[in-house]
Amino acid sequence: MSNEGKIEAILFAAGGPVKLKTLSEVVGLSQEEIVDVANKLKEYYDRENRGLDIIFFEDKVQMCTNDNYGEIVRQALGLEIKQGLSQAALEVLAIIAYNQPITRAEIERIRGVKSDKAINTLLEYNLIKESGRALSPGRPILYTTTEDFLKYFGIKSLKELPQIEITP
């Protein structure tokens, strides 16, 4: 069995992101070698115009559908196309991304308006998640971004978010 075949089989069967550390332990390669092999798979899929793609984010790698085949997959599987995010949802998402973990009250203080609907939309799209409770009175829910957030914006880690300047 080739290392490429092992990694490809694991990623296919996982159906979601797999930690580089896990692949390293199972396949017997360093994490850097795992990334190299996964990149070779990605290059092969791209070069041959295959229906699959390999994406990386944080310390994980995932096999997914090539964007070019998205429409045919949606048709075949009867999947709905989710509409884009509203301006309010994008504002809330940016606030969470740059200030996580953050409570609903803190989000609303920054925006100056209620944000319930936007937060619920982001939860529905799995772009944010509840990640615990603050130690402040009432123990409000804390929100953080998810791996789907990284995928949605095509970034591997929160460190890739553009730097912003906050002016008073």
C-alpha atoms as a PDB file:
ATOM      1  CA  MET A   1       0.000   0.000   0.000  1.00  0.00           C
ATOM      2  CA  SER A   2       1.294   3.427  -0.911  1.00  0.00           C
ATOM      3  CA  ASN A   3       1.319   6.297   1.565  1.00  0.00           C
ATOM      4  CA  GLU A   4      -0.648   8.320  -0.980  1.00  0.00           C
ATOM      5  CA  GLY A   5      -3.286   5.584  -1.166  1.00  0.00           C
ATOM      6  CA  LYS A   6      -3.481   5.299   2.623  1.00  0.00           C
ATOM      7  CA  ILE A   7      -3.989   9.025   3.079  1.00  0.00           C
ATOM      8  CA  GLU A   8      -6.499   9.196   0.226  1.00  0.00           C
ATOM      9  CA  ALA A   9      -8.516   6.299   1.684  1.00  0.00           C
ATOM     10  CA  ILE A  10      -8.557   7.798   5.180  1.00  0.00           C
ATOM     11  CA  LEU A  11      -9.616  11.241   3.934  1.00  0.00           C
ATOM     12  CA  PHE A  12     -12.341   9.744   1.737  1.00  0.00           C
ATOM     13  CA  ALA A  13     -13.728   7.554   4.520  1.00  0.00           C
ATOM     14  CA  ALA A  14     -13.571  10.336   7.119  1.00  0.00           C
ATOM     15  CA  GLY A  15     -16.016  12.559   5.257  1.00  0.00           C
ATOM     16  CA  GLY A  16     -14.654  15.524   7.183  1.00  0.00           C
ATOM     17  CA  PRO A  17     -11.414  17.059   8.424  1.00  0.00           C
ATOM     18  CA  VAL A  18      -8.702  14.792   9.835  1.00  0.00           C
ATOM     19  CA  LYS A  19      -5.943  16.036  12.121  1.00  0.00           C
ATOM     20  CA  LEU A  20      -2.452  15.927  10.647  1.00  0.00           C
ATOM     21  CA  LYS A  21      -1.271  14.391  13.912  1.00  0.00           C
ATOM     22  CA  THR A  22      -3.725  11.497  13.525  1.00  0.00           C
ATOM     23  CA  LEU A  23      -2.666  10.860   9.924  1.00  0.00           C
ATOM     24  CA  SER A  24       0.976  11.029  10.980  1.00  0.00           C
ATOM     25  CA  GLU A  25       0.482   8.447  13.727  1.00  0.00           C
ATOM     26  CA  VAL A  26      -1.558   6.062  11.565  1.00  0.00           C
ATOM     27  CA  VAL A  27       0.447   6.298   8.335  1.00  0.00           C
ATOM     28  CA  GLY A  28       3.852   6.552  10.019  1.00  0.00           C
ATOM     29  CA  LEU A  29       5.029   9.763   8.366  1.00  0.00           C
ATOM     30  CA  SER A  30       5.871  13.143   9.854  1.00  0.00           C
ATOM     31  CA  GLN A  31       3.193  15.823   9.679  1.00  0.00           C
ATOM     32  CA  GLU A  32       5.301  17.651   7.079  1.00  0.00           C
ATOM     33  CA  GLU A  33       5.426  14.493   4.949  1.00  0.00           C
ATOM     34  CA  ILE A  34       1.645  14.097   5.324  1.00  0.00           C
ATOM     35  CA  VAL A  35       1.199  17.663   4.016  1.00  0.00           C
ATOM     36  CA  ASP A  36       3.541  16.903   1.089  1.00  0.00           C
ATOM     37  CA  VAL A  37       1.610  13.749   0.144  1.00  0.00           C
ATOM     38  CA  ALA A  38      -1.754  15.521   0.501  1.00  0.00           C
ATOM     39  CA  ASN A  39      -0.449  18.360  -1.689  1.00  0.00           C
ATOM     40  CA  LYS A  40       0.570  15.805  -4.338  1.00  0.00           C
ATOM     41  CA  LEU A  41      -2.978  14.417  -4.251  1.00  0.00           C
ATOM     42  CA  LYS A  42      -4.357  17.947  -4.590  1.00  0.00           C
ATOM     43  CA  GLU A  43      -2.059  18.658  -7.549  1.00  0.00           C
ATOM     44  CA  TYR A  44      -3.117  15.390  -9.204  1.00  0.00           C
ATOM     45  CA  TYR A  45      -6.819  16.181  -8.760  1.00  0.00           C
ATOM     46  CA  ASP A  46      -6.273  19.687 -10.174  1.00  0.00           C
ATOM     47  CA  ARG A  47      -4.118  18.550 -13.099  1.00  0.00           C
ATOM     48  CA  GLU A  48      -6.555  15.791 -14.106  1.00  0.00           C
ATOM     49  CA  ASN A  49      -9.629  17.995 -13.534  1.00  0.00           C
ATOM     50  CA  ARG A  50     -11.010  15.469 -11.035  1.00  0.00           C
ATOM     51  CA  GLY A  51     -14.183  15.933  -9.003  1.00  0.00           C
ATOM     52  CA  LEU A  52     -12.279  15.946  -5.724  1.00  0.00           C
ATOM     53  CA  ASP A  53     -10.109  18.478  -3.947  1.00  0.00           C
ATOM     54  CA  ILE A  54      -7.925  18.537  -0.856  1.00  0.00           C
ATOM     55  CA  ILE A  55      -8.185  21.501   1.498  1.00  0.00           C
ATOM     56  CA  PHE A  56      -6.070  22.437   4.488  1.00  0.00           C
ATOM     57  CA  PHE A  57      -6.997  24.490   7.526  1.00  0.00           C
ATOM     58  CA  GLU A  58      -5.404  24.895  10.917  1.00  0.00           C
ATOM     59  CA  ASP A  59      -3.894  21.488  11.762  1.00  0.00           C
ATOM     60  CA  LYS A  60      -6.283  19.460   9.599  1.00  0.00           C
ATOM     61  CA  VAL A  61      -6.736  18.249   6.048  1.00  0.00           C
ATOM     62  CA  GLN A  62      -9.957  17.272   4.279  1.00  0.00           C
ATOM     63  CA  MET A  63     -11.076  15.722   1.017  1.00  0.00           C
ATOM     64  CA  CYS A  64     -14.027  17.540  -0.520  1.00  0.00           C
ATOM     65  CA  THR A  65     -15.838  18.110  -3.795  1.00  0.00           C
ATOM     66  CA  ASN A  66     -14.080  20.285  -6.356  1.00  0.00           C
ATOM     67  CA  ASP A  67     -15.976  23.596  -6.605  1.00  0.00           C
ATOM     68  CA  ASN A  68     -16.293  23.128 -10.378  1.00  0.00           C
ATOM     69  CA  TYR A  69     -18.514  20.093  -9.754  1.00  0.00           C
ATOM     70  CA  GLY A  70     -20.662  21.680  -7.062  1.00  0.00           C
ATOM     71  CA  GLU A  71     -23.729  22.304  -9.220  1.00  0.00           C
ATOM     72  CA  ILE A  72     -23.894  18.765 -10.612  1.00  0.00           C
ATOM     73  CA  VAL A  73     -23.499  17.321  -7.108  1.00  0.00           C
ATOM     74  CA  ARG A  74     -26.283  19.579  -5.776  1.00  0.00           C
ATOM     75  CA  GLN A  75     -28.576  18.453  -8.617  1.00  0.00           C
ATOM     76  CA  ALA A  76     -27.778  14.765  -8.175  1.00  0.00           C
ATOM     77  CA  LEU A  77     -28.259  14.839  -4.406  1.00  0.00           C
ATOM     78  CA  GLY A  78     -31.150  17.304  -4.328  1.00  0.00           C
ATOM     79  CA  LEU A  79     -29.244  19.774  -2.174  1.00  0.00           C
ATOM     80  CA  GLU A  80     -30.434  23.335  -1.740  1.00  0.00           C
ATOM     81  CA  ILE A  81     -28.193  26.278  -2.463  1.00  0.00           C
ATOM     82  CA  LYS A  82     -27.889  28.363   0.656  1.00  0.00           C
ATOM     83  CA  GLN A  83     -28.300  32.037   0.014  1.00  0.00           C
ATOM     84  CA  GLY A  84     -25.455  34.378   0.764  1.00  0.00           C
ATOM     85  CA  LEU A  85     -25.131  36.052   4.124  1.00  0.00           C
ATOM     86  CA  SER A  86     -26.863  39.351   4.829  1.00  0.00           C
ATOM     87  CA  GLN A  87     -24.853  42.463   5.632  1.00  0.00           C
ATOM     88  CA  ALA A  88     -25.887  42.127   9.292  1.00  0.00           C
ATOM     89  CA  ALA A  89     -24.740  38.492   9.414  1.00  0.00           C
ATOM     90  CA  LEU A  90     -21.402  39.424   7.836  1.00  0.00           C
ATOM     91  CA  GLU A  91     -20.939  42.221  10.397  1.00  0.00           C
ATOM     92  CA  VAL A  92     -21.664  39.859  13.288  1.00  0.00           C
ATOM     93  CA  LEU A  93     -19.391  37.202  11.790  1.00  0.00           C
ATOM     94  CA  ALA A  94     -16.533  39.705  11.492  1.00  0.00           C
ATOM     95  CA  ILE A  95     -17.043  40.824  15.093  1.00  0.00           C
ATOM     96  CA  ILE A  96     -16.942  37.220  16.304  1.00  0.00           C
ATOM     97  CA  ALA A  97     -13.936  36.316  14.136  1.00  0.00           C
ATOM     98  CA  TYR A  98     -11.841  39.186  15.458  1.00  0.00           C
ATOM     99  CA  ASN A  99     -13.032  39.122  19.092  1.00  0.00           C
ATOM    100  CA  GLN A 100     -13.704  35.470  19.906  1.00  0.00           C
ATOM    101  CA  PRO A 101     -14.786  34.181  22.283  1.00  0.00           C
ATOM    102  CA  ILE A 102     -17.486  36.824  22.596  1.00  0.00           C
ATOM    103  CA  THR A 103     -20.982  37.094  24.091  1.00  0.00           C
ATOM    104  CA  ARG A 104     -24.167  38.262  22.369  1.00  0.00           C
ATOM    105  CA  ALA A 105     -24.224  41.359  24.614  1.00  0.00           C
ATOM    106  CA  GLU A 106     -20.676  42.291  23.563  1.00  0.00           C
ATOM    107  CA  ILE A 107     -21.607  41.832  19.885  1.00  0.00           C
ATOM    108  CA  GLU A 108     -24.661  44.050  20.315  1.00  0.00           C
ATOM    109  CA  ARG A 109     -22.630  46.667  22.193  1.00  0.00           C
ATOM    110  CA  ILE A 110     -20.173  46.842  19.284  1.00  0.00           C
ATOM    111  CA  ARG A 111     -22.900  46.943  16.602  1.00  0.00           C
ATOM    112  CA  GLY A 112     -25.317  49.109  18.546  1.00  0.00           C
ATOM    113  CA  VAL A 113     -28.312  46.970  17.502  1.00  0.00           C
ATOM    114  CA  LYS A 114     -29.833  43.589  18.347  1.00  0.00           C
ATOM    115  CA  SER A 115     -28.127  40.705  16.624  1.00  0.00           C
ATOM    116  CA  ASP A 116     -30.324  37.683  17.432  1.00  0.00           C
ATOM    117  CA  LYS A 117     -31.348  36.961  13.839  1.00  0.00           C
ATOM    118  CA  ALA A 118     -27.807  37.254  12.482  1.00  0.00           C
ATOM    119  CA  ILE A 119     -26.420  35.010  15.231  1.00  0.00           C
ATOM    120  CA  ASN A 120     -29.122  32.403  14.569  1.00  0.00           C
ATOM    121  CA  THR A 121     -28.352  32.473  10.833  1.00  0.00           C
ATOM    122  CA  LEU A 122     -24.636  32.004  11.501  1.00  0.00           C
ATOM    123  CA  LEU A 123     -25.396  29.104  13.859  1.00  0.00           C
ATOM    124  CA  GLU A 124     -27.659  27.548  11.199  1.00  0.00           C
ATOM    125  CA  TYR A 125     -24.898  27.828   8.586  1.00  0.00           C
ATOM    126  CA  ASN A 126     -22.464  26.373  11.158  1.00  0.00           C
ATOM    127  CA  LEU A 127     -20.130  29.341  10.730  1.00  0.00           C
ATOM    128  CA  ILE A 128     -20.162  29.987  14.485  1.00  0.00           C
ATOM    129  CA  LYS A 129     -20.772  27.809  17.513  1.00  0.00           C
ATOM    130  CA  GLU A 130     -21.504  28.092  21.193  1.00  0.00           C
ATOM    131  CA  SER A 131     -18.193  27.459  22.885  1.00  0.00           C
ATOM    132  CA  GLY A 132     -18.872  27.750  26.569  1.00  0.00           C
ATOM    133  CA  ARG A 133     -20.094  30.343  28.999  1.00  0.00           C
ATOM    134  CA  ALA A 134     -18.538  33.538  30.297  1.00  0.00           C
ATOM    135  CA  LEU A 135     -17.774  33.832  33.994  1.00  0.00           C
ATOM    136  CA  SER A 136     -19.703  37.105  34.193  1.00  0.00           C
ATOM    137  CA  PRO A 137     -23.133  37.378  35.881  1.00  0.00           C
ATOM    138  CA  GLY A 138     -25.789  35.291  34.169  1.00  0.00           C
ATOM    139  CA  ARG A 139     -23.076  33.150  32.549  1.00  0.00           C
ATOM    140  CA  PRO A 140     -23.817  34.294  28.966  1.00  0.00           C
ATOM    141  CA  ILE A 141     -22.996  32.043  26.010  1.00  0.00           C
ATOM    142  CA  LEU A 142     -19.660  32.598  24.287  1.00  0.00           C
ATOM    143  CA  TYR A 143     -19.466  32.370  20.489  1.00  0.00           C
ATOM    144  CA  THR A 144     -16.494  31.395  18.322  1.00  0.00           C
ATOM    145  CA  THR A 145     -16.029  30.610  14.638  1.00  0.00           C
ATOM    146  CA  THR A 146     -15.985  27.037  13.305  1.00  0.00           C
ATOM    147  CA  GLU A 147     -13.952  25.072  10.776  1.00  0.00           C
ATOM    148  CA  ASP A 148     -16.785  25.754   8.320  1.00  0.00           C
ATOM    149  CA  PHE A 149     -16.004  29.475   8.737  1.00  0.00           C
ATOM    150  CA  LEU A 150     -12.447  28.810   7.582  1.00  0.00           C
ATOM    151  CA  LYS A 151     -13.713  26.761   4.621  1.00  0.00           C
ATOM    152  CA  TYR A 152     -16.336  29.381   3.699  1.00  0.00           C
ATOM    153  CA  PHE A 153     -13.673  32.067   3.402  1.00  0.00           C
ATOM    154  CA  GLY A 154     -10.993  29.786   1.967  1.00  0.00           C
ATOM    155  CA  ILE A 155      -8.475  30.290   4.741  1.00  0.00           C
ATOM    156  CA  LYS A 156      -6.466  27.758   6.708  1.00  0.00           C
ATOM    157  CA  SER A 157      -6.343  29.573  10.019  1.00  0.00           C
ATOM    158  CA  LEU A 158      -7.611  32.671  11.810  1.00  0.00           C
ATOM    159  CA  LYS A 159      -4.073  34.043  11.502  1.00  0.00           C
ATOM    160  CA  GLU A 160      -4.816  34.580   7.797  1.00  0.00           C
ATOM    161  CA  LEU A 161      -7.570  37.100   8.539  1.00  0.00           C
ATOM    162  CA  PRO A 162      -6.613  40.565   7.302  1.00  0.00           C
ATOM    163  CA  GLN A 163      -5.290  42.881   9.981  1.00  0.00           C
ATOM    164  CA  ILE A 164      -7.713  45.651  10.849  1.00  0.00           C
ATOM    165  CA  GLU A 165      -7.178  49.057  12.353  1.00  0.00           C
ATOM    166  CA  ILE A 166      -9.701  50.117  14.949  1.00  0.00           C
ATOM    167  CA  THR A 167     -10.202  53.853  15.152  1.00  0.00           C
ATOM    168  CA  PRO A 168     -12.013  55.439  18.073  1.00  0.00           C
END
